[in-house]
Protein backbone atom coordinates (compact mmCIF):
# COMPACT_ATOMS: atom_id res chain seq x y z
CA MET A 1 -30.22 9.25 -21.08
CA GLU A 2 -30.74 5.51 -20.43
CA LYS A 3 -33.45 5.31 -23.13
CA ARG A 4 -31.21 7.02 -25.64
CA LEU A 5 -28.30 4.75 -24.76
CA ALA A 6 -30.51 1.68 -25.20
CA GLN A 7 -31.62 2.89 -28.63
CA MET A 8 -28.00 3.38 -29.67
CA GLY A 9 -27.11 -0.11 -28.45
CA HIS A 10 -30.05 -1.60 -30.35
CA ALA A 11 -29.02 0.16 -33.53
CA ARG A 12 -25.50 -1.19 -33.23
CA THR A 13 -26.79 -4.72 -32.66
CA THR A 14 -29.18 -4.75 -35.62
CA SER A 15 -26.48 -3.37 -37.93
CA VAL A 16 -24.71 -6.75 -37.93
CA ASP A 17 -26.33 -8.52 -40.90
CA LEU A 18 -26.67 -12.22 -41.55
CA ALA A 19 -23.86 -12.26 -44.10
CA THR A 20 -21.39 -10.99 -41.49
CA ILE A 21 -22.41 -13.72 -39.03
CA GLU A 22 -22.06 -16.41 -41.69
CA LYS A 23 -18.65 -15.03 -42.70
CA ARG A 24 -17.47 -15.12 -39.06
CA ALA A 25 -18.61 -18.71 -38.75
CA SER A 26 -16.94 -19.81 -41.97
CA GLU A 27 -13.67 -18.10 -41.13
CA LYS A 28 -13.85 -19.27 -37.47
CA LEU A 29 -13.46 -15.71 -36.31
CA PRO A 30 -14.44 -14.79 -32.74
CA ALA A 31 -18.10 -14.01 -32.34
CA PRO A 32 -19.30 -10.47 -31.73
CA GLY A 33 -18.36 -9.52 -28.20
CA GLU A 34 -15.13 -11.59 -28.38
CA PHE A 35 -11.57 -10.98 -29.54
CA GLU A 36 -8.42 -13.06 -29.81
CA ILE A 37 -5.36 -12.96 -27.58
CA ASP A 38 -2.58 -15.31 -28.67
CA GLY A 39 -5.06 -17.36 -30.66
CA GLU A 40 -7.58 -17.75 -27.82
CA SER A 41 -11.05 -16.21 -27.85
CA VAL A 42 -11.82 -13.89 -24.96
CA SER A 43 -15.24 -12.37 -24.28
CA ASP A 44 -15.82 -8.68 -23.70
CA ALA A 45 -17.05 -9.45 -20.18
CA GLU A 46 -13.86 -11.26 -19.33
CA SER A 47 -11.84 -8.44 -20.87
CA LEU A 48 -13.66 -5.81 -18.86
CA LYS A 49 -13.26 -7.86 -15.71
CA SER A 50 -9.52 -8.19 -16.19
CA LYS A 51 -9.24 -4.57 -17.17
CA SER A 52 -11.16 -3.37 -14.14
CA SER A 53 -9.24 -5.49 -11.68
CA PRO A 54 -7.31 -3.10 -9.48
CA THR A 55 -3.58 -2.96 -9.89
CA GLU A 56 -1.37 -1.96 -7.02
CA THR A 57 -0.43 1.71 -7.15
CA THR A 58 3.14 2.45 -6.11
CA TRP A 59 5.28 5.56 -6.01
CA MET A 60 7.07 4.41 -9.16
CA SER A 61 3.78 4.03 -11.03
CA LEU A 62 2.81 7.68 -10.56
CA PRO A 63 2.61 9.66 -13.84
CA ARG A 64 5.00 12.52 -14.56
CA LYS A 65 7.16 12.10 -11.47
CA ASP A 66 9.40 14.94 -12.67
CA GLN A 67 6.52 17.42 -12.49
CA LEU A 68 5.31 16.07 -9.14
CA ALA A 69 8.85 16.43 -7.75
CA ILE A 70 8.91 20.14 -8.72
CA LEU A 71 5.53 20.69 -7.07
CA PHE A 72 6.81 18.89 -3.96
CA LEU A 73 9.77 21.27 -3.84
CA CYS A 74 7.46 24.29 -4.26
CA ARG A 75 5.33 23.28 -1.29
CA LEU A 76 8.40 22.40 0.77
CA VAL A 77 10.12 25.80 0.50
CA ASP A 78 6.80 27.61 0.78
CA PHE A 79 6.05 26.06 4.15
CA LEU A 80 9.68 26.07 5.27
CA GLN A 81 9.57 29.85 5.65
CA VAL A 82 6.48 29.49 7.87
CA ALA A 83 7.84 26.61 9.95
CA SER A 84 11.21 28.23 10.62
CA LEU A 85 9.48 31.30 12.05
CA GLN A 86 7.63 29.29 14.69
CA ALA A 87 10.75 28.45 16.70
CA TYR A 88 11.86 32.02 17.43
CA VAL A 89 8.83 34.29 16.95
CA PHE A 90 8.29 34.63 20.71
CA PHE A 91 11.89 35.74 21.28
CA GLN A 92 11.96 38.04 18.23
CA LEU A 93 8.89 39.89 19.48
CA LYS A 94 10.52 40.14 22.90
CA SER A 95 13.55 41.76 21.23
CA PHE A 96 11.32 44.45 19.70
CA ASP A 97 10.07 45.48 23.15
CA GLY A 98 11.54 43.74 26.18
CA LEU A 99 9.02 45.37 28.53
CA LEU A 100 6.00 43.56 27.05
CA PRO A 101 4.39 40.93 29.32
CA ASP A 102 4.17 37.32 28.07
CA SER A 103 0.40 37.58 27.56
CA GLU A 104 0.87 40.57 25.20
CA VAL A 105 3.66 38.81 23.30
CA SER A 106 1.32 35.82 22.84
CA CYS A 107 -1.29 38.07 21.23
CA GLN A 108 1.32 39.69 18.96
CA ALA A 109 2.57 36.25 17.89
CA GLY A 110 -0.93 35.31 16.83
CA ILE A 111 -1.34 38.53 14.86
CA LEU A 112 2.05 38.11 13.19
CA GLN A 113 1.38 34.54 12.09
CA GLY A 114 -2.16 35.44 11.08
CA ALA A 115 -1.02 38.36 8.91
CA PHE A 116 0.35 35.99 6.27
CA THR A 117 -2.73 33.80 6.00
CA GLY A 118 -5.06 36.76 6.55
CA ALA A 119 -3.78 38.43 3.39
CA GLN A 120 -4.30 35.13 1.55
CA VAL A 121 -8.00 35.30 2.42
CA LEU A 122 -8.35 38.42 0.29
CA THR A 123 -6.27 37.23 -2.66
CA ALA A 124 -6.39 33.41 -2.92
CA PHE A 125 -9.74 33.51 -4.74
CA LEU A 126 -8.34 36.03 -7.23
CA TRP A 127 -5.23 33.91 -7.80
CA GLY A 128 -7.50 30.92 -8.43
CA LYS A 129 -9.44 32.89 -11.05
CA ALA A 130 -6.18 34.03 -12.66
CA ALA A 131 -4.91 30.44 -12.74
CA ASP A 132 -8.07 29.37 -14.62
CA ALA A 133 -7.81 32.26 -17.10
CA SER A 134 -6.17 31.87 -20.51
CA TRP A 135 -4.12 35.08 -20.09
CA CYS A 136 -2.34 33.80 -16.98
CA GLY A 137 -2.43 30.07 -16.11
CA ARG A 138 -1.17 27.94 -13.21
CA LYS A 139 2.55 28.33 -13.79
CA ARG A 140 2.59 32.12 -13.80
CA VAL A 141 0.62 32.29 -10.55
CA LEU A 142 3.10 29.86 -8.98
CA LEU A 143 6.09 31.92 -10.18
CA ILE A 144 4.62 35.14 -8.83
CA GLY A 145 3.79 33.52 -5.50
CA LEU A 146 7.22 32.00 -4.93
CA PHE A 147 9.27 35.03 -5.93
CA GLY A 148 6.98 37.47 -4.12
CA THR A 149 7.24 35.40 -0.94
CA ALA A 150 11.04 35.41 -1.27
CA ILE A 151 11.08 39.23 -1.31
CA SER A 152 8.72 39.41 1.68
CA CYS A 153 10.95 37.02 3.66
CA LEU A 154 13.92 39.31 3.08
CA GLY A 155 11.98 42.34 4.28
CA TYR A 156 10.68 40.49 7.33
CA GLY A 157 14.14 39.31 8.35
CA PHE A 158 15.44 42.88 8.53
CA SER A 159 12.38 44.32 10.30
CA THR A 160 13.16 46.29 13.45
CA ASN A 161 9.68 46.60 14.98
CA PHE A 162 6.35 44.81 15.15
CA ALA A 163 4.60 47.00 12.57
CA TRP A 164 7.17 46.35 9.82
CA ALA A 165 7.17 42.62 10.63
CA VAL A 166 3.37 42.46 10.21
CA PHE A 167 3.57 44.48 6.98
CA PHE A 168 6.04 42.15 5.27
CA ARG A 169 4.19 39.02 6.43
CA ALA A 170 0.97 40.45 5.02
CA VAL A 171 2.66 41.30 1.70
CA GLY A 172 4.02 37.76 1.48
CA GLY A 173 0.60 36.26 2.14
CA GLY A 174 -1.18 38.52 -0.32
CA ILE A 175 1.07 37.58 -3.21
CA ASN A 176 1.19 33.89 -2.30
CA GLY A 177 -1.48 31.84 -4.06
CA THR A 178 0.62 28.70 -4.32
CA VAL A 179 -1.29 26.17 -2.20
CA GLY A 180 -4.45 26.02 -4.30
CA ILE A 181 -2.44 26.08 -7.52
CA ILE A 182 -0.22 23.18 -6.46
CA ARG A 183 -3.29 21.15 -5.50
CA THR A 184 -4.93 21.91 -8.84
CA MET A 185 -1.84 20.94 -10.85
CA ILE A 186 -1.49 17.64 -8.96
CA ALA A 187 -5.13 16.87 -9.72
CA GLU A 188 -4.59 17.61 -13.43
CA ILE A 189 -1.46 15.48 -13.56
CA THR A 190 -3.08 12.47 -11.87
CA VAL A 191 -6.18 12.16 -14.01
CA GLU A 192 -6.98 8.65 -12.78
CA ARG A 193 -8.33 8.60 -9.25
CA LYS A 194 -6.28 5.54 -8.27
CA TYR A 195 -3.15 7.73 -8.27
CA GLN A 196 -4.62 10.53 -6.15
CA SER A 197 -4.08 8.98 -2.72
CA ARG A 198 -0.32 8.86 -3.28
CA ALA A 199 0.00 11.97 -5.43
CA PHE A 200 -1.76 14.21 -2.92
CA LEU A 201 0.31 12.64 -0.15
CA ILE A 202 3.33 14.61 -1.38
CA LEU A 203 1.74 17.73 0.15
CA PRO A 204 1.64 16.47 3.77
CA ILE A 205 5.05 14.84 3.26
CA SER A 206 6.48 18.20 2.21
CA PHE A 207 4.69 19.70 5.21
CA SER A 208 6.39 17.18 7.51
CA VAL A 209 9.84 17.70 5.97
CA ALA A 210 9.45 21.47 6.36
CA ASN A 211 8.10 20.97 9.87
CA THR A 212 11.28 19.06 10.70
CA LEU A 213 13.87 21.28 9.03
CA GLY A 214 12.15 24.64 9.61
CA PRO A 215 12.10 24.70 13.43
CA LEU A 216 15.64 23.32 13.57
CA MET A 217 16.86 25.98 11.14
CA GLY A 218 14.97 28.75 12.90
CA GLY A 219 15.96 27.64 16.38
CA LEU A 220 19.65 27.19 15.60
CA LEU A 221 20.15 30.23 13.36
CA ALA A 222 18.15 32.77 15.34
CA ASP A 223 20.33 35.17 17.36
CA THR A 224 23.44 33.21 16.35
CA SER A 225 25.85 35.79 17.76
CA ARG A 226 24.78 34.49 21.17
CA SER A 227 23.93 30.86 20.48
CA LEU A 228 26.94 30.19 18.18
CA PRO A 229 29.49 32.92 19.06
CA ASN A 230 32.48 30.94 17.73
CA ILE A 231 30.99 31.00 14.23
CA PHE A 232 28.76 34.09 14.07
CA GLY A 233 30.03 36.18 16.98
CA GLU A 234 31.91 39.44 16.58
CA GLY A 235 35.31 38.76 14.97
CA ALA A 236 34.37 35.15 14.08
CA VAL A 237 34.51 33.64 10.59
CA LEU A 238 30.90 34.54 9.76
CA GLY A 239 30.54 37.38 12.22
CA PHE A 240 29.15 39.87 9.71
CA ASN A 241 27.87 43.21 10.94
CA TRP A 242 24.34 42.62 9.67
CA ILE A 243 24.10 39.43 11.74
CA GLN A 244 24.97 41.44 14.86
CA LYS A 245 22.54 44.23 13.98
CA TYR A 246 19.67 41.97 12.84
CA PRO A 247 19.95 38.82 15.01
CA TYR A 248 16.83 37.17 13.55
CA ALA A 249 17.55 37.84 9.86
CA LEU A 250 19.66 34.79 9.00
CA PRO A 251 16.78 32.23 8.79
CA SER A 252 14.85 34.61 6.54
CA VAL A 253 17.85 35.11 4.26
CA LEU A 254 18.18 31.35 3.81
CA ASN A 255 14.44 31.09 3.08
CA THR A 256 14.80 33.84 0.46
CA ILE A 257 17.60 31.91 -1.25
CA ALA A 258 15.60 28.64 -1.22
CA LEU A 259 12.48 30.33 -2.63
CA THR A 260 14.48 32.09 -5.37
CA ILE A 261 16.19 28.86 -6.49
CA THR A 262 12.83 27.08 -6.57
CA THR A 263 11.38 29.92 -8.65
CA LEU A 264 14.10 29.33 -11.25
CA ILE A 265 13.42 25.57 -11.24
CA VAL A 266 9.72 26.22 -11.85
CA PHE A 267 10.51 28.71 -14.62
CA PHE A 268 12.77 26.31 -16.52
CA GLY A 269 11.22 22.93 -15.67
CA LEU A 270 7.50 23.08 -14.82
CA GLU A 271 4.93 22.57 -17.56
CA GLU A 272 1.59 24.35 -17.67
CA THR A 273 -1.43 22.12 -16.90
CA SER A 274 -4.26 24.51 -17.76
CA SER A 275 -5.98 23.49 -20.98
CA LYS A 276 -6.66 27.16 -21.76
CA ARG A 277 -2.91 27.77 -22.10
CA LYS A 278 -2.28 24.97 -24.58
CA GLY A 279 -0.23 25.90 -27.62
CA LYS A 280 0.98 29.18 -26.10
CA GLU A 281 4.66 29.92 -25.87
CA ASP A 282 6.53 29.09 -22.66
CA ILE A 283 9.77 31.07 -22.57
CA GLY A 284 11.18 29.08 -19.67
CA LEU A 285 10.74 25.69 -21.33
CA ARG A 286 12.15 27.03 -24.59
CA LEU A 287 15.25 28.43 -22.87
CA ALA A 288 15.70 25.18 -20.93
CA SER A 289 15.57 23.23 -24.20
CA GLN A 290 18.16 25.53 -25.80
CA ILE A 291 20.46 25.33 -22.77
CA LYS A 292 20.17 21.54 -22.74
CA ALA A 293 20.98 21.41 -26.46
CA TYR A 294 24.03 23.67 -25.97
CA LEU A 295 25.40 21.67 -23.02
CA PHE A 296 24.98 18.27 -24.67
CA GLY A 297 25.80 19.34 -28.23
CA LYS A 298 22.47 18.21 -29.68
CA PRO A 299 19.96 20.08 -31.86
CA ALA A 300 17.38 21.98 -29.81
CA GLN A 301 14.09 20.10 -29.66
CA GLN A 302 10.66 21.63 -29.61
CA TYR A 303 9.93 22.46 -25.99
CA GLY A 304 7.13 20.37 -24.54
CA PHE A 305 3.81 21.12 -22.94
CA PHE A 306 1.95 19.09 -20.39
CA LYS A 307 -0.47 16.66 -22.02
CA LEU A 308 -3.89 16.47 -20.39
CA GLN A 309 -5.80 13.33 -21.27
CA PRO A 310 -6.90 10.10 -19.56
CA LEU A 311 -3.87 8.03 -18.68
CA ASP A 312 -5.23 4.92 -20.41
CA SER A 313 -5.94 6.68 -23.71
CA PRO A 314 -3.93 5.86 -26.85
CA ASP A 315 -2.24 9.26 -26.65
CA SER A 316 -1.19 8.53 -23.08
CA ILE A 317 0.20 5.13 -24.03
CA SER A 318 2.25 6.58 -26.85
CA GLU A 319 3.42 9.36 -24.55
CA SER A 320 4.70 6.87 -21.98
CA LYS A 321 6.74 5.20 -24.71
CA ASP A 322 8.13 8.48 -25.96
CA SER A 323 8.33 10.41 -22.70
CA ASP A 324 11.66 11.94 -23.68
CA ASP A 325 10.38 13.20 -27.04
CA GLU A 326 9.74 16.90 -26.50
CA SER A 327 8.41 17.45 -30.04
CA LEU A 328 4.97 15.95 -29.29
CA PRO A 329 2.17 18.45 -29.94
CA PRO A 330 0.07 19.68 -27.03
CA ILE A 331 -3.14 17.75 -26.37
CA THR A 332 -6.21 19.35 -24.88
CA HIS A 333 -8.28 17.81 -22.09
CA HIS A 334 -11.52 16.46 -23.50
CA HIS A 335 -13.63 18.08 -20.75
CA LYS A 336 -12.51 21.55 -21.74
CA ARG A 337 -12.30 21.06 -25.49
CA ASP A 338 -14.61 23.94 -26.36
CA GLY A 339 -13.80 26.23 -23.43
CA ARG A 340 -17.17 25.73 -21.70
CA THR A 341 -17.13 26.86 -18.07
CA LEU A 342 -19.63 26.18 -15.31
CA PRO A 343 -21.27 29.44 -14.13
CA PHE A 344 -20.28 30.55 -10.63
CA ARG A 345 -23.86 30.34 -9.35
CA ARG A 346 -23.77 26.56 -9.92
CA VAL A 347 -20.40 26.01 -8.26
CA LEU A 348 -21.58 26.20 -4.65
CA THR A 349 -23.37 22.86 -4.41
CA ARG A 350 -24.42 21.41 -1.05
CA ASN A 351 -21.37 19.14 -0.99
CA VAL A 352 -19.01 22.02 -1.84
CA ILE A 353 -20.48 24.15 0.96
CA PHE A 354 -20.22 21.45 3.63
CA THR A 355 -16.72 20.53 2.45
CA LEU A 356 -15.66 24.17 2.84
CA ILE A 357 -17.29 24.35 6.30
CA THR A 358 -15.41 21.25 7.40
CA GLU A 359 -12.23 22.74 5.92
CA ALA A 360 -12.84 25.87 8.01
CA PHE A 361 -13.00 23.99 11.32
CA TYR A 362 -10.05 21.86 10.25
CA ASP A 363 -7.74 24.74 9.37
CA PHE A 364 -8.74 26.78 12.40
CA GLN A 365 -7.61 24.09 14.82
CA LEU A 366 -4.42 23.34 12.86
CA GLY A 367 -3.46 27.02 12.83
CA ALA A 368 -4.32 27.43 16.50
CA PHE A 369 -2.29 24.37 17.49
CA THR A 370 0.81 25.61 15.65
CA ASN A 371 0.74 28.89 17.57
CA LEU A 372 -0.31 27.44 20.93
CA TRP A 373 2.35 24.74 20.86
CA THR A 374 5.30 27.09 20.34
CA LEU A 375 3.92 29.62 22.81
CA PHE A 376 3.31 26.93 25.42
CA LEU A 377 6.84 25.55 25.05
CA SER A 378 8.34 29.07 25.26
CA THR A 379 6.23 30.42 28.15
CA PRO A 380 8.15 30.55 31.46
CA ARG A 381 7.25 27.88 33.99
CA SER A 382 4.97 28.65 36.87
CA PRO A 383 6.69 28.90 40.27
CA LEU A 384 6.42 25.74 42.37
CA GLU A 385 4.45 27.50 45.10
CA ASP A 386 1.83 28.57 42.53
CA LEU A 387 1.38 25.00 41.36
CA THR A 388 0.86 23.70 44.89
CA THR A 389 -1.92 26.22 45.52
CA ARG A 390 -3.76 25.26 42.33
CA SER A 391 -6.27 22.44 42.05
CA LEU A 392 -6.39 19.92 39.21
CA PRO A 393 -7.78 19.13 36.72
CA TRP A 394 -8.56 22.70 35.55
CA ASP A 395 -6.90 25.31 37.73
CA PHE A 396 -3.17 25.53 36.82
CA THR A 397 -0.92 27.72 34.68
CA GLY A 398 2.58 28.16 33.21
CA GLY A 399 4.46 26.68 30.26
CA LEU A 400 7.69 24.72 29.84
CA GLY A 401 10.13 27.66 29.62
CA MET A 402 12.23 26.18 26.79
CA PRO A 403 14.80 28.30 24.85
CA ALA A 404 14.50 28.80 21.07
CA ALA A 405 16.86 25.96 20.15
CA THR A 406 14.96 23.48 22.35
CA VAL A 407 11.62 24.72 21.03
CA GLY A 408 12.92 24.07 17.52
CA LEU A 409 14.00 20.56 18.48
CA ALA A 410 10.69 19.79 20.17
CA THR A 411 8.69 21.14 17.25
CA SER A 412 10.76 19.16 14.75
CA ILE A 413 9.50 15.99 16.44
CA LEU A 414 6.19 16.78 14.74
CA GLY A 415 7.89 16.58 11.35
CA VAL A 416 9.81 13.38 12.09
CA LEU A 417 6.67 11.63 13.36
CA GLY A 418 4.72 12.95 10.38
CA MET A 419 7.15 11.58 7.80
CA ALA A 420 7.28 8.16 9.46
CA LEU A 421 3.50 7.89 9.72
CA GLN A 422 2.92 9.11 6.17
CA ILE A 423 5.24 6.47 4.77
CA PHE A 424 4.20 3.53 6.94
CA LEU A 425 0.70 4.31 8.29
CA TYR A 426 -1.16 6.23 5.60
CA PRO A 427 -1.06 3.71 2.70
CA PRO A 428 -2.53 0.73 4.64
CA VAL A 429 -5.07 2.91 6.47
CA HIS A 430 -6.23 4.52 3.22
CA ALA A 431 -6.42 1.13 1.51
CA ARG A 432 -8.56 -0.28 4.33
CA LEU A 433 -10.79 2.68 5.22
CA GLY A 434 -10.86 4.76 2.06
CA THR A 435 -10.71 8.54 1.87
CA LEU A 436 -13.93 9.66 3.56
CA ARG A 437 -14.13 7.08 6.35
CA GLY A 438 -10.45 7.52 7.21
CA PHE A 439 -11.00 11.28 7.31
CA ARG A 440 -13.94 11.00 9.70
CA TRP A 441 -12.36 8.44 12.03
CA PHE A 442 -9.01 10.16 12.48
CA LEU A 443 -10.54 13.60 13.01
CA LEU A 444 -11.54 12.27 16.44
CA LEU A 445 -7.89 12.21 17.56
CA PHE A 446 -7.54 16.01 17.38
CA PRO A 447 -9.77 16.88 20.37
CA VAL A 448 -8.10 14.15 22.42
CA ALA A 449 -4.60 15.55 21.73
CA TYR A 450 -5.65 19.14 22.52
CA PHE A 451 -7.38 18.14 25.74
CA LEU A 452 -4.25 16.37 27.01
CA ALA A 453 -1.64 18.96 25.91
CA PRO A 454 -1.79 21.54 28.78
CA TYR A 455 -1.14 18.93 31.47
CA LEU A 456 2.52 19.07 30.44
CA ALA A 457 2.70 22.09 32.73
CA VAL A 458 2.02 20.01 35.88
CA LEU A 459 4.11 16.91 35.11
CA PRO A 460 7.17 16.27 37.31
CA SER A 461 10.38 17.72 35.86
CA SER A 462 14.03 16.93 36.55
CA THR A 463 14.64 20.68 37.04
CA GLU A 464 12.95 23.18 39.33
CA SER A 465 11.33 26.33 38.00
CA PRO A 466 12.19 28.80 36.56
CA ALA A 467 14.62 26.50 34.70
CA PRO A 468 13.20 24.87 31.52
CA ALA A 469 11.20 21.71 32.14
CA SER A 470 13.03 18.53 31.15
CA GLY A 471 13.31 14.87 31.95
CA PRO A 472 11.98 11.59 30.51
CA VAL A 473 8.41 12.10 31.76
CA ILE A 474 8.15 15.51 30.05
CA TRP A 475 9.54 14.29 26.73
CA LEU A 476 7.53 11.04 26.68
CA TYR A 477 4.27 12.86 27.35
CA MET A 478 5.20 15.56 24.82
CA THR A 479 5.84 12.85 22.22
CA LEU A 480 2.48 11.22 23.03
CA VAL A 481 0.57 14.47 22.46
CA GLN A 482 2.43 15.13 19.22
CA LEU A 483 1.92 11.53 18.08
CA LEU A 484 -1.85 11.83 18.46
CA GLN A 485 -1.95 15.17 16.65
CA VAL A 486 0.38 14.08 13.85
CA MET A 487 -1.37 10.72 13.41
CA ALA A 488 -4.66 12.56 12.95
CA ARG A 489 -3.09 15.07 10.56
CA THR A 490 -1.32 12.34 8.57
CA ILE A 491 -4.58 10.68 7.54
CA THR A 492 -6.85 13.72 7.37
CA LEU A 493 -4.66 16.23 5.52
CA PRO A 494 -4.33 14.33 2.21
CA ALA A 495 -7.94 13.18 2.59
CA SER A 496 -9.13 16.79 2.97
CA ILE A 497 -7.31 17.73 -0.24
CA ILE A 498 -8.81 14.79 -2.15
CA LEU A 499 -12.32 15.55 -0.84
CA LEU A 500 -11.99 19.21 -1.83
CA ASN A 501 -10.68 18.23 -5.26
CA ASN A 502 -13.46 15.71 -5.90
CA CYS A 503 -16.28 17.94 -4.63
CA SER A 504 -15.71 20.19 -7.65
CA PRO A 505 -18.93 19.95 -9.69
CA HIS A 506 -17.17 20.39 -13.06
CA PRO A 507 -13.54 20.23 -14.32
CA SER A 508 -13.77 23.76 -15.73
CA VAL A 509 -13.98 25.23 -12.21
CA LEU A 510 -11.36 23.03 -10.53
CA GLY A 511 -8.94 25.93 -10.07
CA LEU A 512 -11.78 28.09 -8.74
CA VAL A 513 -12.81 25.44 -6.20
CA HIS A 514 -9.22 25.08 -5.01
CA GLY A 515 -9.00 28.88 -4.86
CA LEU A 516 -12.13 28.97 -2.70
CA GLY A 517 -10.63 26.22 -0.58
CA GLN A 518 -7.42 28.19 -0.13
CA SER A 519 -9.38 31.33 0.76
CA VAL A 520 -11.33 29.46 3.43
CA SER A 521 -8.17 27.70 4.59
CA ALA A 522 -6.23 30.96 4.75
CA GLY A 523 -9.05 32.73 6.55
CA PHE A 524 -9.34 30.18 9.31
CA ARG A 525 -5.61 29.55 9.51
CA THR A 526 -5.50 33.30 10.17
CA ALA A 527 -8.24 33.19 12.76
CA GLY A 528 -6.72 30.11 14.43
CA PRO A 529 -3.38 31.63 15.50
CA VAL A 530 -4.89 35.05 16.28
CA ILE A 531 -7.85 33.82 18.33
CA GLY A 532 -5.80 30.96 19.79
CA GLY A 533 -3.08 33.41 20.84
CA TRP A 534 -5.68 35.71 22.41
CA TRP A 535 -7.28 32.76 24.22
CA TYR A 536 -3.84 31.73 25.44
CA GLY A 537 -3.05 35.22 26.74
CA GLU A 538 -6.41 35.45 28.53
CA GLY A 539 -5.85 32.00 30.01
CA LEU A 540 -2.50 33.10 31.42
CA LYS A 541 -4.16 36.17 32.96
CA MET A 542 -6.79 33.95 34.60
CA GLY A 543 -4.19 31.45 35.73
CA ILE A 544 -5.75 28.64 33.63
CA VAL A 545 -3.32 27.81 30.83
CA GLY A 546 -5.52 24.95 29.60
CA ALA A 547 -8.46 27.20 28.72
CA SER A 548 -7.18 27.92 25.22
CA TRP A 549 -6.33 24.25 24.59
CA TRP A 550 -9.79 23.05 25.58
CA ALA A 551 -11.45 25.74 23.46
CA VAL A 552 -9.51 24.50 20.42
CA ALA A 553 -10.51 20.93 21.31
CA LEU A 554 -14.15 22.04 21.13
CA VAL A 555 -13.63 23.59 17.68
CA SER A 556 -12.02 20.38 16.41
CA ALA A 557 -14.99 18.42 17.76
CA LEU A 558 -17.34 20.63 15.71
CA GLY A 559 -15.26 19.68 12.66
CA CYS A 560 -15.94 16.02 13.41
CA VAL A 561 -19.68 16.77 13.32
CA SER A 562 -19.59 18.74 10.04
CA ALA A 563 -17.60 15.94 8.37
CA MET A 564 -20.67 13.70 8.67
CA PHE A 565 -22.49 15.84 6.09
CA ILE A 566 -20.00 15.53 3.21
CA TYR A 567 -19.45 12.82 0.63
CA GLU A 568 -16.71 12.05 -1.88
CA GLY A 569 -17.73 13.47 -5.24
CA SER A 570 -16.62 12.58 -8.74
CA GLY A 571 -15.26 15.97 -9.81
CA HIS A 572 -17.76 16.12 -12.69
CA GLU A 573 -21.28 15.85 -11.30
CA ILE A 574 -22.84 18.62 -13.41
CA LEU A 575 -23.03 18.18 -17.18
CA LEU A 576 -23.07 21.26 -19.38
CA GLU A 577 -25.05 21.46 -22.59
CA GLY A 578 -23.68 18.97 -25.11
CA GLU A 579 -21.62 16.94 -22.63
CA GLU A 580 -24.40 14.38 -22.25
CA ASP A 581 -24.15 13.65 -25.96
CA GLU A 582 -20.35 13.41 -25.70
CA GLN A 583 -20.63 10.83 -22.92
CA LEU A 584 -23.15 8.79 -24.93
CA LEU A 585 -21.00 8.88 -28.04
CA GLY A 586 -17.74 8.40 -26.10
């Protein structure tokens, strides 16, 4: 390649004849390799230096903020239905069978939360393939996932036993392929890598917002006939019969409404990013254009398509000047101009494999923590006489015995801390450490947080058991544990998405790689709550509540080790036949 490039450069140099040089000299034109700016000659080297100097990337400089905002909303409502469940799942399972012991309820909670992600294991890869196919595309997969999840939420809310609850969670997970699709679309919107650190940050920010609102919504609106009898009780203003009969349905109904509204927004406002769908009709965009024309009394414009090209290309520059002109023709990404696709056998490179392994450890411990934390806060406290007969630092048991509303409040602290850290901590840390080094360093905080968490059970409380634990010592220590976990997640979550995106060996399999990533993520986010819940139940039986926490700390430590074997790729490390010539000529 280098020899061929040198030959091309030599040919270009020798093509400048003597007459051209004499003409430049006589007309006092800039010499070859120079050009004029405001009458001053500037060399190519100086131009390249000024062009390559980094410019500060801000939120306002992100491309297509309207499309990114829709994707943010999609991820927000998608995780909101998961986060709201966490606050009351323990009490809902208790309502199905009040005779079950706490250890059995813990196992059921793990199975219930794992049913959603477990079904994703079987289908996320297929949704990724469908998103890459010309007959489907990203937008259709997103629409199916959002609306299907809305229906499953409605069924889950009105479930009357454990079997039906697991069924509807599994249906929702099987039809939900949104995570990998959203990641892929963000990558295709932010073509230039300098925008990725902020663009991919919208995913953990949406996670934090949902992690704040979800537990509060679930905790406050679960069994409202008892918690808010003046509003939802029998004979009250909103005391409907179905609320009395199905006390845990209200949060699911609200999630169904939010998911349905978001589905409509995606249908009318989101543009397809797959190059294989370029030029094909989008009914939603066309209807949105006609509705807009009717409301504002203007002629209907040609509905637009997303334009995939480098952001510094002439087409991109003209697009930024005419961003409101919907009559621009669709432009195809240059990497996929002829529809060439990397064969599957070449997708699983060494870096892809180790990235997926690291993702597996990462998602296992995140899923396990989510389940363990809510179970630990909900588990009744150990009697004082049991604590006095135990010996620290290993032999103790019991939880904090908090009600659903307090569990929701405590869990929402995770979201509040996450939003604050993502806004104020992530940008300077990423600028200083970069993606890979920041990922490796902050992974180390996870095992520390999980090792410290169970000691909440033995801290002095302002109330005696069996009353819920409370007091400044409890809440300060709880905040410390959550701060460590959220600080680690704040830096590593967007970094894990960027590393997965950039480990893709070719742009034609980007959706496939994200689909594989979502399958691995879903699989181990399934195993995390299920195995973590089983570990927690066995720990309670043994009288060692910390056993499950320390096991999860060990898993997170293994993730720190596997992260040492990955590197940040370019997203296009394998060249297909003919692409080498394109790069030389380009």
